[in-house]
Amino acid sequence: MNSGAFIPSYGLPANYVALLQRSLYDFRMDFCDLIIGMEKAEISPRPVVGAIVVVSGLAVSFLLWLLYVHHASADFAGRWMFLPALNALLNGLCAIALCIGLYFIKHDNWKAHRTSMLVAFTFSSAFLISYIVNHAVHGDTIFPGHGSVRTMYLSILASHVILSMVALPMVLTTFFFSLTGRFAMHRRIARVTFPIWLYVSITGVVVFVFLKAYAY
Protein backbone atom coordinates (compact mmCIF):
# COMPACT_ATOMS: atom_id res chain seq x y z
CA MET A 1 0.00 0.00 0.00
CA ASN A 2 1.28 3.45 -0.87
CA SER A 3 2.31 5.30 2.30
CA GLY A 4 0.62 8.45 1.03
CA ALA A 5 -2.67 6.79 0.03
CA PHE A 6 -4.56 8.54 2.79
CA ILE A 7 -3.37 12.08 1.96
CA PRO A 8 -6.43 14.09 0.81
CA SER A 9 -5.96 16.10 -2.37
CA TYR A 10 -7.99 19.20 -1.31
CA GLY A 11 -8.35 20.05 -4.98
CA LEU A 12 -4.59 20.15 -5.59
CA PRO A 13 -3.20 19.04 -8.96
CA ALA A 14 -2.59 15.29 -9.20
CA ASN A 15 1.13 15.72 -9.89
CA TYR A 16 1.51 17.88 -6.77
CA VAL A 17 -0.27 15.29 -4.61
CA ALA A 18 1.90 12.53 -6.07
CA LEU A 19 5.04 14.55 -5.33
CA LEU A 20 3.88 15.13 -1.74
CA GLN A 21 3.15 11.42 -1.29
CA ARG A 22 6.57 10.52 -2.66
CA SER A 23 8.29 13.06 -0.38
CA LEU A 24 6.56 11.68 2.70
CA TYR A 25 7.47 8.13 1.69
CA ASP A 26 11.12 9.10 1.12
CA PHE A 27 11.21 10.87 4.51
CA ARG A 28 9.87 7.79 6.28
CA MET A 29 12.37 5.50 4.54
CA ASP A 30 15.28 7.87 5.26
CA PHE A 31 14.29 8.03 8.94
CA CYS A 32 14.10 4.22 9.13
CA ASP A 33 17.49 3.92 7.43
CA LEU A 34 18.94 6.39 9.94
CA ILE A 35 17.65 4.35 12.89
CA ILE A 36 18.93 1.08 11.40
CA GLY A 37 22.29 2.68 10.61
CA MET A 38 22.70 3.90 14.18
CA GLU A 39 21.86 0.44 15.49
CA LYS A 40 24.53 -1.15 13.30
CA ALA A 41 27.21 1.50 13.79
CA GLU A 42 30.03 0.73 16.17
CA ILE A 43 30.03 4.07 17.97
CA SER A 44 32.03 4.31 21.18
CA PRO A 45 29.70 5.47 23.96
CA ARG A 46 32.27 7.42 25.98
CA PRO A 47 32.78 10.44 23.67
CA VAL A 48 29.07 10.59 22.86
CA VAL A 49 28.01 10.49 26.50
CA GLY A 50 30.71 13.07 27.27
CA ALA A 51 29.36 15.32 24.53
CA ILE A 52 25.82 14.86 25.88
CA VAL A 53 26.97 15.92 29.35
CA VAL A 54 28.75 19.00 27.98
CA VAL A 55 25.80 20.05 25.80
CA SER A 56 23.39 19.46 28.67
CA GLY A 57 25.58 21.56 30.97
CA LEU A 58 25.56 24.41 28.47
CA ALA A 59 21.79 24.14 28.07
CA VAL A 60 21.24 24.19 31.83
CA SER A 61 23.57 27.18 32.19
CA PHE A 62 21.58 29.03 29.55
CA LEU A 63 18.29 28.23 31.28
CA LEU A 64 19.65 29.41 34.64
CA TRP A 65 20.78 32.65 33.00
CA LEU A 66 17.34 33.00 31.43
CA LEU A 67 15.62 32.46 34.78
CA TYR A 68 17.76 34.50 37.13
CA VAL A 69 19.76 37.03 35.07
CA HIS A 70 17.71 37.87 31.99
CA HIS A 71 15.10 40.63 32.35
CA ALA A 72 12.09 40.43 30.05
CA SER A 73 11.15 43.44 27.96
CA ALA A 74 8.03 45.34 28.99
CA ASP A 75 6.96 45.34 25.32
CA PHE A 76 5.60 41.82 25.72
CA ALA A 77 3.55 42.48 28.85
CA GLY A 78 0.09 41.02 28.37
CA ARG A 79 1.04 39.30 25.11
CA TRP A 80 1.48 35.60 24.32
CA MET A 81 -0.23 34.71 27.60
CA PHE A 82 -1.15 31.28 26.23
CA LEU A 83 2.43 30.02 26.62
CA PRO A 84 2.19 28.81 30.27
CA ALA A 85 -0.92 26.77 29.42
CA LEU A 86 0.83 25.41 26.32
CA ASN A 87 3.80 24.38 28.46
CA ALA A 88 1.49 22.51 30.85
CA LEU A 89 -0.29 20.83 27.93
CA LEU A 90 2.99 19.64 26.40
CA ASN A 91 4.15 18.33 29.78
CA GLY A 92 0.88 16.48 30.25
CA LEU A 93 1.04 14.95 26.77
CA CYS A 94 4.63 13.89 27.42
CA ALA A 95 3.57 12.16 30.65
CA ILE A 96 0.78 10.31 28.81
CA ALA A 97 3.16 9.21 26.05
CA LEU A 98 5.64 7.97 28.66
CA CYS A 99 2.98 5.89 30.40
CA ILE A 100 1.84 4.44 27.08
CA GLY A 101 5.45 3.61 26.25
CA LEU A 102 5.82 1.82 29.59
CA TYR A 103 2.68 -0.19 28.89
CA PHE A 104 3.97 -1.30 25.49
CA ILE A 105 7.40 -2.38 26.73
CA LYS A 106 5.76 -4.32 29.58
CA HIS A 107 3.85 -6.21 26.89
CA ASP A 108 6.99 -6.74 24.75
CA ASN A 109 5.79 -4.46 21.96
CA TRP A 110 9.11 -2.73 21.44
CA LYS A 111 8.17 -1.05 18.15
CA ALA A 112 5.16 0.70 19.71
CA HIS A 113 7.32 1.44 22.75
CA ARG A 114 9.93 3.16 20.60
CA THR A 115 7.26 5.20 18.83
CA SER A 116 5.73 6.27 22.14
CA MET A 117 9.07 7.34 23.56
CA LEU A 118 9.93 9.30 20.41
CA VAL A 119 6.55 11.04 20.73
CA ALA A 120 7.31 11.82 24.38
CA PHE A 121 10.69 13.22 23.36
CA THR A 122 9.00 15.38 20.71
CA PHE A 123 6.58 16.79 23.29
CA SER A 124 9.47 17.48 25.69
CA SER A 125 11.45 19.21 22.96
CA ALA A 126 8.44 21.34 22.02
CA PHE A 127 7.97 22.17 25.70
CA LEU A 128 11.59 23.28 26.03
CA ILE A 129 11.22 25.65 23.08
CA SER A 130 7.94 27.05 24.42
CA TYR A 131 9.43 27.35 27.92
CA ILE A 132 12.42 29.33 26.64
CA VAL A 133 10.19 31.65 24.62
CA ASN A 134 7.86 32.18 27.59
CA HIS A 135 10.66 33.14 29.98
CA ALA A 136 12.40 35.23 27.34
CA VAL A 137 9.32 37.41 26.80
CA HIS A 138 7.66 37.26 30.23
CA GLY A 139 10.46 36.56 32.69
CA ASP A 140 9.99 34.52 35.86
CA THR A 141 6.60 34.43 37.62
CA ILE A 142 6.64 35.14 41.35
CA PHE A 143 4.33 32.92 43.40
CA PRO A 144 2.21 35.20 45.62
CA GLY A 145 0.90 32.56 48.02
CA HIS A 146 1.92 32.38 51.68
CA GLY A 147 2.22 29.85 54.46
CA SER A 148 1.98 26.11 53.84
CA VAL A 149 0.81 26.61 50.25
CA ARG A 150 3.96 28.56 49.41
CA THR A 151 6.14 25.95 51.11
CA MET A 152 4.47 23.18 49.13
CA TYR A 153 4.80 25.09 45.87
CA LEU A 154 8.47 25.91 46.39
CA SER A 155 9.24 22.29 47.34
CA ILE A 156 7.59 20.97 44.20
CA LEU A 157 9.22 23.66 42.06
CA ALA A 158 12.68 22.97 43.50
CA SER A 159 12.39 19.23 42.88
CA HIS A 160 11.05 19.90 39.39
CA VAL A 161 13.92 22.23 38.45
CA ILE A 162 16.68 20.07 39.94
CA LEU A 163 15.43 16.83 38.41
CA SER A 164 14.86 18.48 35.03
CA MET A 165 18.57 19.30 34.97
CA VAL A 166 19.33 15.65 35.70
CA ALA A 167 16.74 14.37 33.22
CA LEU A 168 18.16 16.13 30.15
CA PRO A 169 21.47 14.23 29.86
CA MET A 170 19.86 11.00 31.07
CA VAL A 171 17.12 11.11 28.42
CA LEU A 172 19.63 11.82 25.65
CA THR A 173 21.92 9.04 26.86
CA THR A 174 19.04 6.58 27.12
CA PHE A 175 18.02 7.36 23.54
CA PHE A 176 21.62 7.00 22.36
CA PHE A 177 21.92 3.51 23.84
CA SER A 178 18.62 2.49 22.28
CA LEU A 179 19.32 3.89 18.81
CA THR A 180 22.76 2.26 18.69
CA GLY A 181 21.44 -1.15 19.72
CA ARG A 182 22.97 -1.23 23.22
CA PHE A 183 19.74 -2.50 24.73
CA ALA A 184 21.23 -3.90 27.94
CA MET A 185 22.69 -0.49 28.80
CA HIS A 186 19.50 1.16 27.58
CA ARG A 187 17.34 -0.90 29.95
CA ARG A 188 19.70 -0.28 32.84
CA ILE A 189 19.66 3.51 32.58
CA ALA A 190 15.99 3.66 31.49
CA ARG A 191 14.95 2.28 34.89
CA VAL A 192 16.29 5.52 36.39
CA THR A 193 15.52 7.87 33.51
CA PHE A 194 11.84 6.95 33.21
CA PRO A 195 10.63 7.88 36.73
CA ILE A 196 12.66 11.11 36.70
CA TRP A 197 11.34 12.11 33.28
CA LEU A 198 7.77 11.23 34.28
CA TYR A 199 8.07 13.14 37.57
CA VAL A 200 9.41 16.24 35.80
CA SER A 201 6.56 16.12 33.28
CA ILE A 202 3.84 15.71 35.91
CA THR A 203 5.23 18.34 38.27
CA GLY A 204 5.43 20.75 35.33
CA VAL A 205 1.64 20.52 35.15
CA VAL A 206 1.33 20.81 38.94
CA VAL A 207 3.44 23.99 38.98
CA PHE A 208 1.17 25.51 36.33
CA VAL A 209 -1.93 24.61 38.38
CA PHE A 210 -0.46 26.39 41.41
CA LEU A 211 0.39 29.49 39.37
CA LYS A 212 -2.98 29.40 37.64
CA ALA A 213 -4.74 29.41 41.00
CA TYR A 214 -2.62 32.09 42.70
CA ALA A 215 -0.70 34.14 40.15
CA TYR A 216 -2.25 34.19 36.66
C-alpha atoms as a PDB file:
ATOM      1  CA  MET A   1       0.000   0.000   0.000  1.00  0.00           C
ATOM      2  CA  ASN A   2       1.276   3.447  -0.873  1.00  0.00           C
ATOM      3  CA  SER A   3       2.314   5.304   2.299  1.00  0.00           C
ATOM      4  CA  GLY A   4       0.622   8.446   1.027  1.00  0.00           C
ATOM      5  CA  ALA A   5      -2.673   6.786   0.033  1.00  0.00           C
ATOM      6  CA  PHE A   6      -4.565   8.541   2.788  1.00  0.00           C
ATOM      7  CA  ILE A   7      -3.368  12.078   1.961  1.00  0.00           C
ATOM      8  CA  PRO A   8      -6.426  14.092   0.807  1.00  0.00           C
ATOM      9  CA  SER A   9      -5.960  16.104  -2.365  1.00  0.00           C
ATOM     10  CA  TYR A  10      -7.992  19.196  -1.308  1.00  0.00           C
ATOM     11  CA  GLY A  11      -8.352  20.048  -4.979  1.00  0.00           C
ATOM     12  CA  LEU A  12      -4.590  20.152  -5.593  1.00  0.00           C
ATOM     13  CA  PRO A  13      -3.205  19.044  -8.956  1.00  0.00           C
ATOM     14  CA  ALA A  14      -2.593  15.290  -9.197  1.00  0.00           C
ATOM     15  CA  ASN A  15       1.128  15.715  -9.887  1.00  0.00           C
ATOM     16  CA  TYR A  16       1.511  17.883  -6.765  1.00  0.00           C
ATOM     17  CA  VAL A  17      -0.270  15.289  -4.606  1.00  0.00           C
ATOM     18  CA  ALA A  18       1.901  12.529  -6.072  1.00  0.00           C
ATOM     19  CA  LEU A  19       5.043  14.551  -5.329  1.00  0.00           C
ATOM     20  CA  LEU A  20       3.885  15.132  -1.740  1.00  0.00           C
ATOM     21  CA  GLN A  21       3.151  11.422  -1.289  1.00  0.00           C
ATOM     22  CA  ARG A  22       6.574  10.516  -2.655  1.00  0.00           C
ATOM     23  CA  SER A  23       8.286  13.062  -0.379  1.00  0.00           C
ATOM     24  CA  LEU A  24       6.555  11.680   2.698  1.00  0.00           C
ATOM     25  CA  TYR A  25       7.465   8.132   1.690  1.00  0.00           C
ATOM     26  CA  ASP A  26      11.119   9.095   1.124  1.00  0.00           C
ATOM     27  CA  PHE A  27      11.208  10.870   4.506  1.00  0.00           C
ATOM     28  CA  ARG A  28       9.873   7.791   6.282  1.00  0.00           C
ATOM     29  CA  MET A  29      12.367   5.504   4.544  1.00  0.00           C
ATOM     30  CA  ASP A  30      15.284   7.870   5.257  1.00  0.00           C
ATOM     31  CA  PHE A  31      14.295   8.027   8.937  1.00  0.00           C
ATOM     32  CA  CYS A  32      14.102   4.219   9.132  1.00  0.00           C
ATOM     33  CA  ASP A  33      17.493   3.921   7.426  1.00  0.00           C
ATOM     34  CA  LEU A  34      18.942   6.390   9.943  1.00  0.00           C
ATOM     35  CA  ILE A  35      17.650   4.353  12.893  1.00  0.00           C
ATOM     36  CA  ILE A  36      18.933   1.084  11.402  1.00  0.00           C
ATOM     37  CA  GLY A  37      22.294   2.684  10.607  1.00  0.00           C
ATOM     38  CA  MET A  38      22.699   3.901  14.175  1.00  0.00           C
ATOM     39  CA  GLU A  39      21.857   0.444  15.486  1.00  0.00           C
ATOM     40  CA  LYS A  40      24.531  -1.150  13.298  1.00  0.00           C
ATOM     41  CA  ALA A  41      27.210   1.504  13.791  1.00  0.00           C
ATOM     42  CA  GLU A  42      30.028   0.731  16.175  1.00  0.00           C
ATOM     43  CA  ILE A  43      30.027   4.075  17.967  1.00  0.00           C
ATOM     44  CA  SER A  44      32.033   4.305  21.180  1.00  0.00           C
ATOM     45  CA  PRO A  45      29.697   5.469  23.964  1.00  0.00           C
ATOM     46  CA  ARG A  46      32.273   7.424  25.977  1.00  0.00           C
ATOM     47  CA  PRO A  47      32.784  10.438  23.669  1.00  0.00           C
ATOM     48  CA  VAL A  48      29.074  10.588  22.861  1.00  0.00           C
ATOM     49  CA  VAL A  49      28.014  10.488  26.504  1.00  0.00           C
ATOM     50  CA  GLY A  50      30.707  13.070  27.272  1.00  0.00           C
ATOM     51  CA  ALA A  51      29.361  15.318  24.527  1.00  0.00           C
ATOM     52  CA  ILE A  52      25.824  14.855  25.885  1.00  0.00           C
ATOM     53  CA  VAL A  53      26.967  15.923  29.351  1.00  0.00           C
ATOM     54  CA  VAL A  54      28.750  19.001  27.977  1.00  0.00           C
ATOM     55  CA  VAL A  55      25.803  20.055  25.798  1.00  0.00           C
ATOM     56  CA  SER A  56      23.388  19.464  28.671  1.00  0.00           C
ATOM     57  CA  GLY A  57      25.577  21.560  30.972  1.00  0.00           C
ATOM     58  CA  LEU A  58      25.561  24.414  28.474  1.00  0.00           C
ATOM     59  CA  ALA A  59      21.788  24.136  28.069  1.00  0.00           C
ATOM     60  CA  VAL A  60      21.237  24.186  31.830  1.00  0.00           C
ATOM     61  CA  SER A  61      23.572  27.177  32.193  1.00  0.00           C
ATOM     62  CA  PHE A  62      21.580  29.031  29.545  1.00  0.00           C
ATOM     63  CA  LEU A  63      18.290  28.225  31.284  1.00  0.00           C
ATOM     64  CA  LEU A  64      19.654  29.414  34.640  1.00  0.00           C
ATOM     65  CA  TRP A  65      20.776  32.650  33.000  1.00  0.00           C
ATOM     66  CA  LEU A  66      17.340  33.004  31.425  1.00  0.00           C
ATOM     67  CA  LEU A  67      15.619  32.459  34.778  1.00  0.00           C
ATOM     68  CA  TYR A  68      17.764  34.502  37.134  1.00  0.00           C
ATOM     69  CA  VAL A  69      19.757  37.027  35.073  1.00  0.00           C
ATOM     70  CA  HIS A  70      17.709  37.872  31.987  1.00  0.00           C
ATOM     71  CA  HIS A  71      15.104  40.626  32.346  1.00  0.00           C
ATOM     72  CA  ALA A  72      12.093  40.426  30.052  1.00  0.00           C
ATOM     73  CA  SER A  73      11.152  43.444  27.963  1.00  0.00           C
ATOM     74  CA  ALA A  74       8.033  45.338  28.990  1.00  0.00           C
ATOM     75  CA  ASP A  75       6.965  45.342  25.321  1.00  0.00           C
ATOM     76  CA  PHE A  76       5.598  41.817  25.716  1.00  0.00           C
ATOM     77  CA  ALA A  77       3.553  42.477  28.852  1.00  0.00           C
ATOM     78  CA  GLY A  78       0.094  41.025  28.370  1.00  0.00           C
ATOM     79  CA  ARG A  79       1.043  39.301  25.111  1.00  0.00           C
ATOM     80  CA  TRP A  80       1.483  35.600  24.324  1.00  0.00           C
ATOM     81  CA  MET A  81      -0.226  34.714  27.596  1.00  0.00           C
ATOM     82  CA  PHE A  82      -1.147  31.283  26.234  1.00  0.00           C
ATOM     83  CA  LEU A  83       2.427  30.020  26.621  1.00  0.00           C
ATOM     84  CA  PRO A  84       2.186  28.809  30.271  1.00  0.00           C
ATOM     85  CA  ALA A  85      -0.919  26.775  29.418  1.00  0.00           C
ATOM     86  CA  LEU A  86       0.835  25.413  26.316  1.00  0.00           C
ATOM     87  CA  ASN A  87       3.800  24.380  28.462  1.00  0.00           C
ATOM     88  CA  ALA A  88       1.491  22.514  30.849  1.00  0.00           C
ATOM     89  CA  LEU A  89      -0.287  20.835  27.931  1.00  0.00           C
ATOM     90  CA  LEU A  90       2.988  19.638  26.403  1.00  0.00           C
ATOM     91  CA  ASN A  91       4.153  18.331  29.782  1.00  0.00           C
ATOM     92  CA  GLY A  92       0.877  16.482  30.245  1.00  0.00           C
ATOM     93  CA  LEU A  93       1.042  14.952  26.766  1.00  0.00           C
ATOM     94  CA  CYS A  94       4.629  13.887  27.418  1.00  0.00           C
ATOM     95  CA  ALA A  95       3.571  12.160  30.654  1.00  0.00           C
ATOM     96  CA  ILE A  96       0.785  10.315  28.813  1.00  0.00           C
ATOM     97  CA  ALA A  97       3.161   9.210  26.050  1.00  0.00           C
ATOM     98  CA  LEU A  98       5.641   7.966  28.660  1.00  0.00           C
ATOM     99  CA  CYS A  99       2.978   5.889  30.402  1.00  0.00           C
ATOM    100  CA  ILE A 100       1.844   4.437  27.078  1.00  0.00           C
ATOM    101  CA  GLY A 101       5.455   3.606  26.248  1.00  0.00           C
ATOM    102  CA  LEU A 102       5.822   1.822  29.595  1.00  0.00           C
ATOM    103  CA  TYR A 103       2.676  -0.188  28.886  1.00  0.00           C
ATOM    104  CA  PHE A 104       3.970  -1.296  25.491  1.00  0.00           C
ATOM    105  CA  ILE A 105       7.396  -2.383  26.734  1.00  0.00           C
ATOM    106  CA  LYS A 106       5.759  -4.317  29.582  1.00  0.00           C
ATOM    107  CA  HIS A 107       3.854  -6.214  26.890  1.00  0.00           C
ATOM    108  CA  ASP A 108       6.993  -6.743  24.755  1.00  0.00           C
ATOM    109  CA  ASN A 109       5.786  -4.460  21.960  1.00  0.00           C
ATOM    110  CA  TRP A 110       9.115  -2.730  21.442  1.00  0.00           C
ATOM    111  CA  LYS A 111       8.172  -1.053  18.151  1.00  0.00           C
ATOM    112  CA  ALA A 112       5.164   0.698  19.713  1.00  0.00           C
ATOM    113  CA  HIS A 113       7.320   1.442  22.754  1.00  0.00           C
ATOM    114  CA  ARG A 114       9.933   3.162  20.600  1.00  0.00           C
ATOM    115  CA  THR A 115       7.264   5.204  18.827  1.00  0.00           C
ATOM    116  CA  SER A 116       5.726   6.268  22.138  1.00  0.00           C
ATOM    117  CA  MET A 117       9.071   7.337  23.559  1.00  0.00           C
ATOM    118  CA  LEU A 118       9.925   9.305  20.412  1.00  0.00           C
ATOM    119  CA  VAL A 119       6.547  11.039  20.726  1.00  0.00           C
ATOM    120  CA  ALA A 120       7.313  11.818  24.384  1.00  0.00           C
ATOM    121  CA  PHE A 121      10.692  13.221  23.361  1.00  0.00           C
ATOM    122  CA  THR A 122       8.996  15.375  20.715  1.00  0.00           C
ATOM    123  CA  PHE A 123       6.585  16.790  23.293  1.00  0.00           C
ATOM    124  CA  SER A 124       9.467  17.479  25.691  1.00  0.00           C
ATOM    125  CA  SER A 125      11.449  19.212  22.964  1.00  0.00           C
ATOM    126  CA  ALA A 126       8.444  21.343  22.020  1.00  0.00           C
ATOM    127  CA  PHE A 127       7.969  22.166  25.696  1.00  0.00           C
ATOM    128  CA  LEU A 128      11.586  23.278  26.027  1.00  0.00           C
ATOM    129  CA  ILE A 129      11.216  25.646  23.078  1.00  0.00           C
ATOM    130  CA  SER A 130       7.937  27.048  24.417  1.00  0.00           C
ATOM    131  CA  TYR A 131       9.428  27.347  27.916  1.00  0.00           C
ATOM    132  CA  ILE A 132      12.415  29.330  26.635  1.00  0.00           C
ATOM    133  CA  VAL A 133      10.191  31.652  24.619  1.00  0.00           C
ATOM    134  CA  ASN A 134       7.856  32.180  27.592  1.00  0.00           C
ATOM    135  CA  HIS A 135      10.657  33.137  29.977  1.00  0.00           C
ATOM    136  CA  ALA A 136      12.404  35.232  27.343  1.00  0.00           C
ATOM    137  CA  VAL A 137       9.324  37.409  26.801  1.00  0.00           C
ATOM    138  CA  HIS A 138       7.661  37.264  30.228  1.00  0.00           C
ATOM    139  CA  GLY A 139      10.458  36.556  32.688  1.00  0.00           C
ATOM    140  CA  ASP A 140       9.988  34.520  35.861  1.00  0.00           C
ATOM    141  CA  THR A 141       6.597  34.428  37.621  1.00  0.00           C
ATOM    142  CA  ILE A 142       6.643  35.140  41.353  1.00  0.00           C
ATOM    143  CA  PHE A 143       4.326  32.920  43.401  1.00  0.00           C
ATOM    144  CA  PRO A 144       2.208  35.204  45.623  1.00  0.00           C
ATOM    145  CA  GLY A 145       0.904  32.560  48.024  1.00  0.00           C
ATOM    146  CA  HIS A 146       1.921  32.378  51.679  1.00  0.00           C
ATOM    147  CA  GLY A 147       2.220  29.847  54.460  1.00  0.00           C
ATOM    148  CA  SER A 148       1.977  26.113  53.844  1.00  0.00           C
ATOM    149  CA  VAL A 149       0.812  26.608  50.249  1.00  0.00           C
ATOM    150  CA  ARG A 150       3.958  28.557  49.415  1.00  0.00           C
ATOM    151  CA  THR A 151       6.139  25.952  51.114  1.00  0.00           C
ATOM    152  CA  MET A 152       4.466  23.180  49.135  1.00  0.00           C
ATOM    153  CA  TYR A 153       4.798  25.090  45.869  1.00  0.00           C
ATOM    154  CA  LEU A 154       8.472  25.907  46.389  1.00  0.00           C
ATOM    155  CA  SER A 155       9.237  22.289  47.343  1.00  0.00           C
ATOM    156  CA  ILE A 156       7.587  20.970  44.201  1.00  0.00           C
ATOM    157  CA  LEU A 157       9.219  23.660  42.064  1.00  0.00           C
ATOM    158  CA  ALA A 158      12.680  22.974  43.500  1.00  0.00           C
ATOM    159  CA  SER A 159      12.393  19.233  42.885  1.00  0.00           C
ATOM    160  CA  HIS A 160      11.051  19.895  39.387  1.00  0.00           C
ATOM    161  CA  VAL A 161      13.919  22.228  38.448  1.00  0.00           C
ATOM    162  CA  ILE A 162      16.676  20.075  39.942  1.00  0.00           C
ATOM    163  CA  LEU A 163      15.427  16.825  38.414  1.00  0.00           C
ATOM    164  CA  SER A 164      14.855  18.485  35.028  1.00  0.00           C
ATOM    165  CA  MET A 165      18.574  19.301  34.966  1.00  0.00           C
ATOM    166  CA  VAL A 166      19.329  15.646  35.700  1.00  0.00           C
ATOM    167  CA  ALA A 167      16.737  14.375  33.222  1.00  0.00           C
ATOM    168  CA  LEU A 168      18.157  16.128  30.151  1.00  0.00           C
ATOM    169  CA  PRO A 169      21.470  14.228  29.859  1.00  0.00           C
ATOM    170  CA  MET A 170      19.858  10.998  31.067  1.00  0.00           C
ATOM    171  CA  VAL A 171      17.119  11.114  28.423  1.00  0.00           C
ATOM    172  CA  LEU A 172      19.626  11.817  25.651  1.00  0.00           C
ATOM    173  CA  THR A 173      21.922   9.036  26.865  1.00  0.00           C
ATOM    174  CA  THR A 174      19.042   6.577  27.120  1.00  0.00           C
ATOM    175  CA  PHE A 175      18.025   7.360  23.539  1.00  0.00           C
ATOM    176  CA  PHE A 176      21.623   6.999  22.363  1.00  0.00           C
ATOM    177  CA  PHE A 177      21.924   3.507  23.840  1.00  0.00           C
ATOM    178  CA  SER A 178      18.616   2.494  22.275  1.00  0.00           C
ATOM    179  CA  LEU A 179      19.324   3.892  18.810  1.00  0.00           C
ATOM    180  CA  THR A 180      22.759   2.259  18.693  1.00  0.00           C
ATOM    181  CA  GLY A 181      21.440  -1.151  19.724  1.00  0.00           C
ATOM    182  CA  ARG A 182      22.968  -1.229  23.223  1.00  0.00           C
ATOM    183  CA  PHE A 183      19.738  -2.503  24.734  1.00  0.00           C
ATOM    184  CA  ALA A 184      21.227  -3.898  27.940  1.00  0.00           C
ATOM    185  CA  MET A 185      22.689  -0.494  28.800  1.00  0.00           C
ATOM    186  CA  HIS A 186      19.503   1.162  27.579  1.00  0.00           C
ATOM    187  CA  ARG A 187      17.341  -0.902  29.946  1.00  0.00           C
ATOM    188  CA  ARG A 188      19.695  -0.277  32.844  1.00  0.00           C
ATOM    189  CA  ILE A 189      19.665   3.506  32.582  1.00  0.00           C
ATOM    190  CA  ALA A 190      15.994   3.660  31.490  1.00  0.00           C
ATOM    191  CA  ARG A 191      14.953   2.281  34.889  1.00  0.00           C
ATOM    192  CA  VAL A 192      16.290   5.517  36.389  1.00  0.00           C
ATOM    193  CA  THR A 193      15.520   7.869  33.512  1.00  0.00           C
ATOM    194  CA  PHE A 194      11.844   6.947  33.211  1.00  0.00           C
ATOM    195  CA  PRO A 195      10.631   7.884  36.729  1.00  0.00           C
ATOM    196  CA  ILE A 196      12.660  11.107  36.699  1.00  0.00           C
ATOM    197  CA  TRP A 197      11.338  12.105  33.275  1.00  0.00           C
ATOM    198  CA  LEU A 198       7.772  11.232  34.280  1.00  0.00           C
ATOM    199  CA  TYR A 199       8.067  13.140  37.567  1.00  0.00           C
ATOM    200  CA  VAL A 200       9.414  16.240  35.800  1.00  0.00           C
ATOM    201  CA  SER A 201       6.559  16.118  33.276  1.00  0.00           C
ATOM    202  CA  ILE A 202       3.844  15.709  35.908  1.00  0.00           C
ATOM    203  CA  THR A 203       5.233  18.343  38.267  1.00  0.00           C
ATOM    204  CA  GLY A 204       5.431  20.746  35.329  1.00  0.00           C
ATOM    205  CA  VAL A 205       1.644  20.517  35.146  1.00  0.00           C
ATOM    206  CA  VAL A 206       1.328  20.807  38.936  1.00  0.00           C
ATOM    207  CA  VAL A 207       3.443  23.990  38.985  1.00  0.00           C
ATOM    208  CA  PHE A 208       1.171  25.508  36.328  1.00  0.00           C
ATOM    209  CA  VAL A 209      -1.931  24.614  38.375  1.00  0.00           C
ATOM    210  CA  PHE A 210      -0.456  26.388  41.412  1.00  0.00           C
ATOM    211  CA  LEU A 211       0.386  29.490  39.373  1.00  0.00           C
ATOM    212  CA  LYS A 212      -2.981  29.404  37.641  1.00  0.00           C
ATOM    213  CA  ALA A 213      -4.740  29.411  41.000  1.00  0.00           C
ATOM    214  CA  TYR A 214      -2.618  32.089  42.698  1.00  0.00           C
ATOM    215  CA  ALA A 215      -0.696  34.140  40.149  1.00  0.00           C
ATOM    216  CA  TYR A 216      -2.248  34.188  36.664  1.00  0.00           C
END
